[in-house]
Amino acid sequence: MSGKPDVAGICHCRYCQLRSGSAFGALAYFEKEKVSLLSGNLTTHNFKSESGNAWQTQFCPKCGTTVFLDLAVFEGKTGVDAGTFDPPTFWFDIINEVFVRSKAHFLGDINAVNHEETFFTYDPETKDESRLMSD
């Protein structure tokens, strides 16, 4: 990565909880040209949310760590799982905390500019399978 992220946030949606194996995802989005893979190969998983938004998750085939995410609503940007920075110092400000409706009960307040019940494009077209439902 080069520079600061354009968008940085915490997401409590069920998909981020499942893909991260944690209570939330911490994501930083950069312009695509500011992101490059220096070595190795990644495996890709494609997913469509109940709102019809396409996700592409790229992860390390050796350890399973999610490295990059492409979310259709952030066209031209590549998301990076914030915990993959070495060291994971979280050197940027969190702008958005989204899907707070499915936030784990044991988490306290998160220092973010915006706190949203869902996500700005959340408009379900289909019903997710039960393991992905946030409420």
N, C-alpha and C. Protein backbone atom coordinates (compact mmCIF):
# COMPACT_ATOMS: atom_id res chain seq x y z
N MET A 1 0.83 -1.16 0.00
CA MET A 1 0.00 0.00 0.00
C MET A 1 0.89 1.24 0.00
N SER A 2 0.37 2.27 -0.58
CA SER A 2 1.05 3.55 -0.44
C SER A 2 0.01 4.59 -0.06
N GLY A 3 0.41 5.50 0.83
CA GLY A 3 -0.50 6.54 1.28
C GLY A 3 -1.47 6.05 2.32
N LYS A 4 -2.42 6.93 2.64
CA LYS A 4 -3.45 6.60 3.62
C LYS A 4 -4.68 6.05 2.91
N PRO A 5 -5.47 5.26 3.61
CA PRO A 5 -6.69 4.74 2.97
C PRO A 5 -7.71 5.85 2.72
N ASP A 6 -8.51 5.66 1.68
CA ASP A 6 -9.59 6.59 1.37
C ASP A 6 -10.79 6.36 2.29
N VAL A 7 -11.00 5.11 2.65
CA VAL A 7 -12.11 4.71 3.51
C VAL A 7 -11.56 3.70 4.50
N ALA A 8 -11.90 3.85 5.77
CA ALA A 8 -11.49 2.86 6.78
C ALA A 8 -12.66 2.63 7.71
N GLY A 9 -12.91 1.38 8.00
CA GLY A 9 -14.06 1.12 8.84
C GLY A 9 -14.03 -0.21 9.56
N ILE A 10 -14.99 -0.33 10.43
CA ILE A 10 -15.26 -1.55 11.18
C ILE A 10 -16.62 -2.04 10.73
N CYS A 11 -16.70 -3.32 10.37
CA CYS A 11 -17.97 -3.88 9.91
C CYS A 11 -18.36 -5.07 10.78
N HIS A 12 -19.59 -5.03 11.27
CA HIS A 12 -20.11 -6.08 12.13
C HIS A 12 -21.11 -6.98 11.40
N CYS A 13 -21.14 -6.94 10.06
CA CYS A 13 -22.08 -7.81 9.34
C CYS A 13 -21.67 -9.27 9.52
N ARG A 14 -22.62 -10.16 9.32
CA ARG A 14 -22.35 -11.59 9.51
C ARG A 14 -21.27 -12.08 8.56
N TYR A 15 -21.23 -11.56 7.33
CA TYR A 15 -20.21 -12.03 6.41
C TYR A 15 -18.81 -11.66 6.92
N CYS A 16 -18.62 -10.44 7.40
CA CYS A 16 -17.31 -10.05 7.94
C CYS A 16 -16.98 -10.86 9.19
N GLN A 17 -17.98 -11.14 10.02
CA GLN A 17 -17.73 -11.96 11.20
C GLN A 17 -17.28 -13.36 10.79
N LEU A 18 -17.95 -13.94 9.81
CA LEU A 18 -17.60 -15.30 9.39
C LEU A 18 -16.25 -15.36 8.67
N ARG A 19 -16.02 -14.43 7.75
CA ARG A 19 -14.78 -14.50 6.97
C ARG A 19 -13.55 -14.16 7.81
N SER A 20 -13.74 -13.33 8.86
CA SER A 20 -12.60 -12.97 9.71
C SER A 20 -12.44 -13.92 10.90
N GLY A 21 -13.50 -14.67 11.21
CA GLY A 21 -13.46 -15.53 12.38
C GLY A 21 -13.41 -14.73 13.66
N SER A 22 -13.97 -13.53 13.62
CA SER A 22 -13.91 -12.63 14.77
C SER A 22 -15.25 -11.91 14.92
N ALA A 23 -15.31 -10.96 15.84
CA ALA A 23 -16.54 -10.22 16.08
C ALA A 23 -16.81 -9.16 15.02
N PHE A 24 -15.81 -8.80 14.23
CA PHE A 24 -15.98 -7.76 13.22
C PHE A 24 -14.82 -7.82 12.23
N GLY A 25 -14.99 -7.11 11.12
CA GLY A 25 -13.90 -6.92 10.17
C GLY A 25 -13.39 -5.50 10.30
N ALA A 26 -12.08 -5.34 10.19
CA ALA A 26 -11.46 -4.00 10.18
C ALA A 26 -10.84 -3.83 8.80
N LEU A 27 -11.36 -2.88 8.04
CA LEU A 27 -11.00 -2.76 6.63
C LEU A 27 -10.51 -1.36 6.29
N ALA A 28 -9.54 -1.30 5.41
CA ALA A 28 -9.03 -0.03 4.89
C ALA A 28 -9.04 -0.14 3.37
N TYR A 29 -9.68 0.81 2.71
CA TYR A 29 -9.78 0.80 1.25
C TYR A 29 -8.87 1.86 0.63
N PHE A 30 -8.10 1.42 -0.36
CA PHE A 30 -7.15 2.27 -1.08
C PHE A 30 -7.51 2.28 -2.56
N GLU A 31 -7.11 3.34 -3.27
CA GLU A 31 -7.23 3.34 -4.72
C GLU A 31 -6.45 2.13 -5.24
N LYS A 32 -7.01 1.43 -6.23
CA LYS A 32 -6.39 0.19 -6.74
C LYS A 32 -4.93 0.37 -7.12
N GLU A 33 -4.59 1.50 -7.72
CA GLU A 33 -3.20 1.72 -8.17
C GLU A 33 -2.22 1.91 -7.00
N LYS A 34 -2.74 2.08 -5.79
CA LYS A 34 -1.88 2.23 -4.62
C LYS A 34 -1.67 0.91 -3.88
N VAL A 35 -2.16 -0.19 -4.47
CA VAL A 35 -2.07 -1.51 -3.84
C VAL A 35 -1.40 -2.48 -4.81
N SER A 36 -0.43 -3.24 -4.29
CA SER A 36 0.18 -4.27 -5.14
C SER A 36 0.59 -5.46 -4.29
N LEU A 37 0.57 -6.61 -4.91
CA LEU A 37 1.01 -7.85 -4.28
C LEU A 37 2.47 -8.03 -4.65
N LEU A 38 3.35 -8.05 -3.68
CA LEU A 38 4.79 -8.11 -3.95
C LEU A 38 5.28 -9.51 -4.25
N SER A 39 4.65 -10.52 -3.68
CA SER A 39 5.08 -11.89 -3.96
C SER A 39 3.95 -12.85 -3.66
N GLY A 40 4.06 -14.04 -4.19
CA GLY A 40 3.08 -15.09 -3.92
C GLY A 40 1.84 -14.97 -4.77
N ASN A 41 0.90 -15.85 -4.51
CA ASN A 41 -0.37 -15.90 -5.21
C ASN A 41 -1.49 -15.92 -4.20
N LEU A 42 -2.65 -15.46 -4.62
CA LEU A 42 -3.82 -15.45 -3.76
C LEU A 42 -4.92 -16.30 -4.38
N THR A 43 -5.77 -16.85 -3.54
CA THR A 43 -6.95 -17.59 -3.98
C THR A 43 -8.14 -16.65 -3.84
N THR A 44 -9.08 -16.77 -4.76
CA THR A 44 -10.22 -15.86 -4.80
C THR A 44 -11.52 -16.57 -4.44
N HIS A 45 -12.34 -15.86 -3.66
CA HIS A 45 -13.69 -16.33 -3.35
C HIS A 45 -14.65 -15.20 -3.72
N ASN A 46 -15.68 -15.52 -4.51
CA ASN A 46 -16.69 -14.54 -4.89
C ASN A 46 -17.97 -14.78 -4.11
N PHE A 47 -18.62 -13.70 -3.73
CA PHE A 47 -19.80 -13.77 -2.88
C PHE A 47 -20.74 -12.64 -3.29
N LYS A 48 -22.03 -12.87 -3.21
CA LYS A 48 -23.01 -11.82 -3.49
C LYS A 48 -23.87 -11.66 -2.23
N SER A 49 -23.96 -10.42 -1.74
CA SER A 49 -24.73 -10.15 -0.53
C SER A 49 -26.22 -10.20 -0.84
N GLU A 50 -27.03 -10.19 0.21
CA GLU A 50 -28.48 -10.21 0.03
C GLU A 50 -28.99 -8.93 -0.64
N SER A 51 -28.16 -7.88 -0.67
CA SER A 51 -28.51 -6.65 -1.39
C SER A 51 -28.09 -6.71 -2.84
N GLY A 52 -27.48 -7.82 -3.24
CA GLY A 52 -27.04 -7.98 -4.62
C GLY A 52 -25.66 -7.41 -4.91
N ASN A 53 -24.94 -6.97 -3.87
CA ASN A 53 -23.60 -6.42 -4.05
C ASN A 53 -22.58 -7.54 -4.14
N ALA A 54 -21.70 -7.42 -5.13
CA ALA A 54 -20.66 -8.43 -5.33
C ALA A 54 -19.46 -8.14 -4.44
N TRP A 55 -18.92 -9.20 -3.84
CA TRP A 55 -17.69 -9.17 -3.06
C TRP A 55 -16.71 -10.10 -3.73
N GLN A 56 -15.46 -9.75 -3.71
CA GLN A 56 -14.41 -10.69 -4.08
C GLN A 56 -13.38 -10.64 -2.96
N THR A 57 -13.17 -11.77 -2.34
CA THR A 57 -12.20 -11.88 -1.26
C THR A 57 -11.00 -12.65 -1.78
N GLN A 58 -9.79 -12.12 -1.54
CA GLN A 58 -8.57 -12.80 -1.95
C GLN A 58 -7.80 -13.16 -0.69
N PHE A 59 -7.40 -14.41 -0.60
CA PHE A 59 -6.73 -14.89 0.60
C PHE A 59 -5.53 -15.74 0.25
N CYS A 60 -4.64 -15.88 1.24
CA CYS A 60 -3.44 -16.67 1.08
C CYS A 60 -3.81 -18.15 1.09
N PRO A 61 -3.42 -18.91 0.06
CA PRO A 61 -3.76 -20.33 0.03
C PRO A 61 -2.95 -21.16 1.03
N LYS A 62 -1.88 -20.60 1.56
CA LYS A 62 -1.05 -21.34 2.52
C LYS A 62 -1.58 -21.22 3.94
N CYS A 63 -1.97 -20.00 4.36
CA CYS A 63 -2.40 -19.81 5.75
C CYS A 63 -3.87 -19.45 5.89
N GLY A 64 -4.53 -19.09 4.79
CA GLY A 64 -5.95 -18.74 4.82
C GLY A 64 -6.26 -17.31 5.19
N THR A 65 -5.26 -16.49 5.41
CA THR A 65 -5.49 -15.10 5.79
C THR A 65 -6.10 -14.30 4.65
N THR A 66 -7.21 -13.61 4.93
CA THR A 66 -7.78 -12.70 3.93
C THR A 66 -6.83 -11.52 3.80
N VAL A 67 -6.47 -11.20 2.56
CA VAL A 67 -5.54 -10.10 2.31
C VAL A 67 -6.27 -8.92 1.66
N PHE A 68 -6.95 -9.18 0.55
CA PHE A 68 -7.63 -8.12 -0.19
C PHE A 68 -9.12 -8.42 -0.33
N LEU A 69 -9.90 -7.33 -0.43
CA LEU A 69 -11.33 -7.45 -0.69
C LEU A 69 -11.71 -6.42 -1.74
N ASP A 70 -12.56 -6.82 -2.65
CA ASP A 70 -13.14 -5.88 -3.60
C ASP A 70 -14.64 -5.91 -3.39
N LEU A 71 -15.20 -4.78 -3.06
CA LEU A 71 -16.64 -4.64 -2.84
C LEU A 71 -17.16 -3.74 -3.95
N ALA A 72 -18.16 -4.22 -4.70
CA ALA A 72 -18.65 -3.51 -5.87
C ALA A 72 -19.00 -2.05 -5.59
N VAL A 73 -19.51 -1.74 -4.40
CA VAL A 73 -19.90 -0.36 -4.10
C VAL A 73 -18.70 0.57 -3.91
N PHE A 74 -17.51 0.01 -3.75
CA PHE A 74 -16.29 0.82 -3.66
C PHE A 74 -15.47 0.61 -4.93
N GLU A 75 -16.09 0.89 -6.06
CA GLU A 75 -15.46 0.69 -7.35
C GLU A 75 -14.15 1.46 -7.44
N GLY A 76 -13.12 0.80 -7.96
CA GLY A 76 -11.81 1.44 -8.12
C GLY A 76 -10.96 1.38 -6.87
N LYS A 77 -11.47 0.74 -5.82
CA LYS A 77 -10.73 0.64 -4.56
C LYS A 77 -10.53 -0.83 -4.19
N THR A 78 -9.44 -1.08 -3.50
CA THR A 78 -9.14 -2.41 -2.97
C THR A 78 -9.12 -2.32 -1.46
N GLY A 79 -9.86 -3.22 -0.83
CA GLY A 79 -9.88 -3.27 0.62
C GLY A 79 -8.76 -4.16 1.13
N VAL A 80 -8.21 -3.78 2.25
CA VAL A 80 -7.16 -4.56 2.90
C VAL A 80 -7.62 -4.83 4.32
N ASP A 81 -7.56 -6.09 4.73
CA ASP A 81 -7.87 -6.41 6.12
C ASP A 81 -6.81 -5.75 7.00
N ALA A 82 -7.25 -4.87 7.89
CA ALA A 82 -6.32 -4.03 8.66
C ALA A 82 -5.37 -4.83 9.54
N GLY A 83 -5.76 -6.00 9.98
CA GLY A 83 -4.89 -6.81 10.81
C GLY A 83 -3.73 -7.44 10.06
N THR A 84 -3.73 -7.31 8.73
CA THR A 84 -2.63 -7.89 7.94
C THR A 84 -1.45 -6.95 7.79
N PHE A 85 -1.60 -5.69 8.18
CA PHE A 85 -0.45 -4.78 8.13
C PHE A 85 0.59 -5.27 9.13
N ASP A 86 1.85 -5.12 8.78
CA ASP A 86 2.93 -5.65 9.61
C ASP A 86 3.82 -4.51 10.07
N PRO A 87 3.77 -4.14 11.33
CA PRO A 87 2.89 -4.66 12.37
C PRO A 87 1.50 -4.05 12.25
N PRO A 88 0.47 -4.70 12.81
CA PRO A 88 -0.89 -4.17 12.72
C PRO A 88 -1.12 -3.03 13.70
N THR A 89 -0.57 -1.87 13.39
CA THR A 89 -0.63 -0.72 14.30
C THR A 89 -1.91 0.09 14.17
N PHE A 90 -2.71 -0.19 13.15
CA PHE A 90 -3.95 0.55 12.92
C PHE A 90 -3.65 2.06 12.95
N TRP A 91 -2.81 2.48 12.02
CA TRP A 91 -2.26 3.83 11.94
C TRP A 91 -3.20 4.82 11.27
N PHE A 92 -4.43 4.44 11.03
CA PHE A 92 -5.39 5.33 10.37
C PHE A 92 -6.63 5.46 11.24
N ASP A 93 -7.38 6.52 11.01
CA ASP A 93 -8.61 6.75 11.76
C ASP A 93 -9.75 5.92 11.17
N ILE A 94 -10.62 5.44 12.02
CA ILE A 94 -11.81 4.71 11.58
C ILE A 94 -12.90 5.74 11.29
N ILE A 95 -13.39 5.72 10.07
CA ILE A 95 -14.43 6.67 9.66
C ILE A 95 -15.82 6.09 9.92
N ASN A 96 -16.02 4.84 9.51
CA ASN A 96 -17.35 4.24 9.60
C ASN A 96 -17.36 2.96 10.42
N GLU A 97 -18.35 2.85 11.27
CA GLU A 97 -18.67 1.59 11.94
C GLU A 97 -20.04 1.20 11.40
N VAL A 98 -20.11 0.06 10.71
CA VAL A 98 -21.35 -0.33 10.05
C VAL A 98 -21.87 -1.67 10.57
N PHE A 99 -23.14 -1.89 10.33
CA PHE A 99 -23.87 -3.06 10.81
C PHE A 99 -23.77 -3.19 12.33
N VAL A 100 -23.91 -2.03 13.01
CA VAL A 100 -23.87 -2.06 14.47
C VAL A 100 -25.04 -2.86 15.05
N ARG A 101 -26.07 -3.10 14.25
CA ARG A 101 -27.21 -3.90 14.74
C ARG A 101 -26.79 -5.33 15.07
N SER A 102 -25.69 -5.81 14.46
CA SER A 102 -25.23 -7.17 14.75
C SER A 102 -23.87 -7.16 15.46
N LYS A 103 -23.58 -6.04 16.11
CA LYS A 103 -22.34 -5.91 16.88
C LYS A 103 -22.38 -6.84 18.09
N ALA A 104 -21.27 -7.50 18.36
CA ALA A 104 -21.18 -8.41 19.51
C ALA A 104 -21.45 -7.64 20.80
N HIS A 105 -22.24 -8.24 21.67
CA HIS A 105 -22.65 -7.57 22.91
C HIS A 105 -21.48 -7.22 23.83
N PHE A 106 -20.35 -7.87 23.68
CA PHE A 106 -19.23 -7.65 24.59
C PHE A 106 -18.28 -6.54 24.12
N LEU A 107 -18.55 -5.96 22.95
CA LEU A 107 -17.70 -4.87 22.45
C LEU A 107 -18.18 -3.54 23.00
N GLY A 108 -17.25 -2.70 23.35
CA GLY A 108 -17.59 -1.36 23.82
C GLY A 108 -17.71 -0.39 22.66
N ASP A 109 -17.66 0.87 22.98
CA ASP A 109 -17.74 1.91 21.95
C ASP A 109 -16.49 1.88 21.08
N ILE A 110 -16.70 2.09 19.80
CA ILE A 110 -15.59 2.18 18.84
C ILE A 110 -15.49 3.62 18.40
N ASN A 111 -14.28 4.16 18.45
CA ASN A 111 -14.04 5.54 18.07
C ASN A 111 -14.08 5.65 16.55
N ALA A 112 -15.24 6.08 16.04
CA ALA A 112 -15.45 6.26 14.60
C ALA A 112 -16.28 7.52 14.39
N VAL A 113 -16.16 8.10 13.20
CA VAL A 113 -16.93 9.30 12.89
C VAL A 113 -18.42 8.97 12.76
N ASN A 114 -18.73 7.87 12.04
CA ASN A 114 -20.11 7.48 11.77
C ASN A 114 -20.39 6.09 12.33
N HIS A 115 -21.60 5.91 12.84
CA HIS A 115 -22.06 4.62 13.37
C HIS A 115 -23.40 4.33 12.71
N GLU A 116 -23.45 3.28 11.89
CA GLU A 116 -24.66 3.00 11.11
C GLU A 116 -25.24 1.64 11.47
N GLU A 117 -26.56 1.57 11.57
CA GLU A 117 -27.25 0.32 11.89
C GLU A 117 -26.95 -0.76 10.84
N THR A 118 -26.90 -0.36 9.56
CA THR A 118 -26.58 -1.32 8.49
C THR A 118 -25.46 -0.71 7.64
N PHE A 119 -25.69 -0.59 6.34
CA PHE A 119 -24.70 -0.07 5.41
C PHE A 119 -25.43 0.78 4.40
N PHE A 120 -24.78 1.78 3.83
CA PHE A 120 -25.49 2.74 2.98
C PHE A 120 -26.15 2.12 1.76
N THR A 121 -25.70 0.96 1.31
CA THR A 121 -26.34 0.30 0.17
C THR A 121 -27.22 -0.87 0.57
N TYR A 122 -27.43 -1.06 1.88
CA TYR A 122 -28.20 -2.21 2.33
C TYR A 122 -29.65 -2.08 1.92
N ASP A 123 -30.09 -2.97 1.05
CA ASP A 123 -31.46 -3.01 0.55
C ASP A 123 -31.69 -4.43 0.06
N PRO A 124 -32.05 -5.34 0.98
CA PRO A 124 -32.14 -6.76 0.64
C PRO A 124 -33.05 -7.06 -0.54
N GLU A 125 -32.50 -7.82 -1.49
CA GLU A 125 -33.26 -8.32 -2.63
C GLU A 125 -33.65 -9.78 -2.38
N THR A 126 -32.81 -10.46 -1.65
CA THR A 126 -33.03 -11.87 -1.35
C THR A 126 -32.80 -12.06 0.14
N LYS A 127 -33.15 -13.23 0.61
CA LYS A 127 -32.90 -13.54 2.01
C LYS A 127 -31.65 -14.40 2.08
N ASP A 128 -30.68 -13.95 2.86
CA ASP A 128 -29.46 -14.73 3.05
C ASP A 128 -29.76 -16.04 3.73
N GLU A 129 -28.89 -17.03 3.51
CA GLU A 129 -29.03 -18.24 4.27
C GLU A 129 -28.82 -17.88 5.75
N SER A 130 -29.42 -18.64 6.64
CA SER A 130 -29.50 -18.26 8.04
C SER A 130 -28.14 -17.97 8.67
N ARG A 131 -27.07 -18.65 8.27
CA ARG A 131 -25.76 -18.42 8.89
C ARG A 131 -25.21 -17.04 8.55
N LEU A 132 -25.73 -16.39 7.50
CA LEU A 132 -25.24 -15.06 7.12
C LEU A 132 -26.14 -13.94 7.62
N MET A 133 -27.28 -14.27 8.18
CA MET A 133 -28.22 -13.23 8.60
C MET A 133 -27.72 -12.53 9.85
N SER A 134 -27.87 -11.21 9.84
CA SER A 134 -27.36 -10.42 10.96
C SER A 134 -28.43 -10.17 12.02
N ASP A 135 -29.66 -10.29 11.71
CA ASP A 135 -30.75 -10.14 12.69
C ASP A 135 -31.98 -10.85 12.18
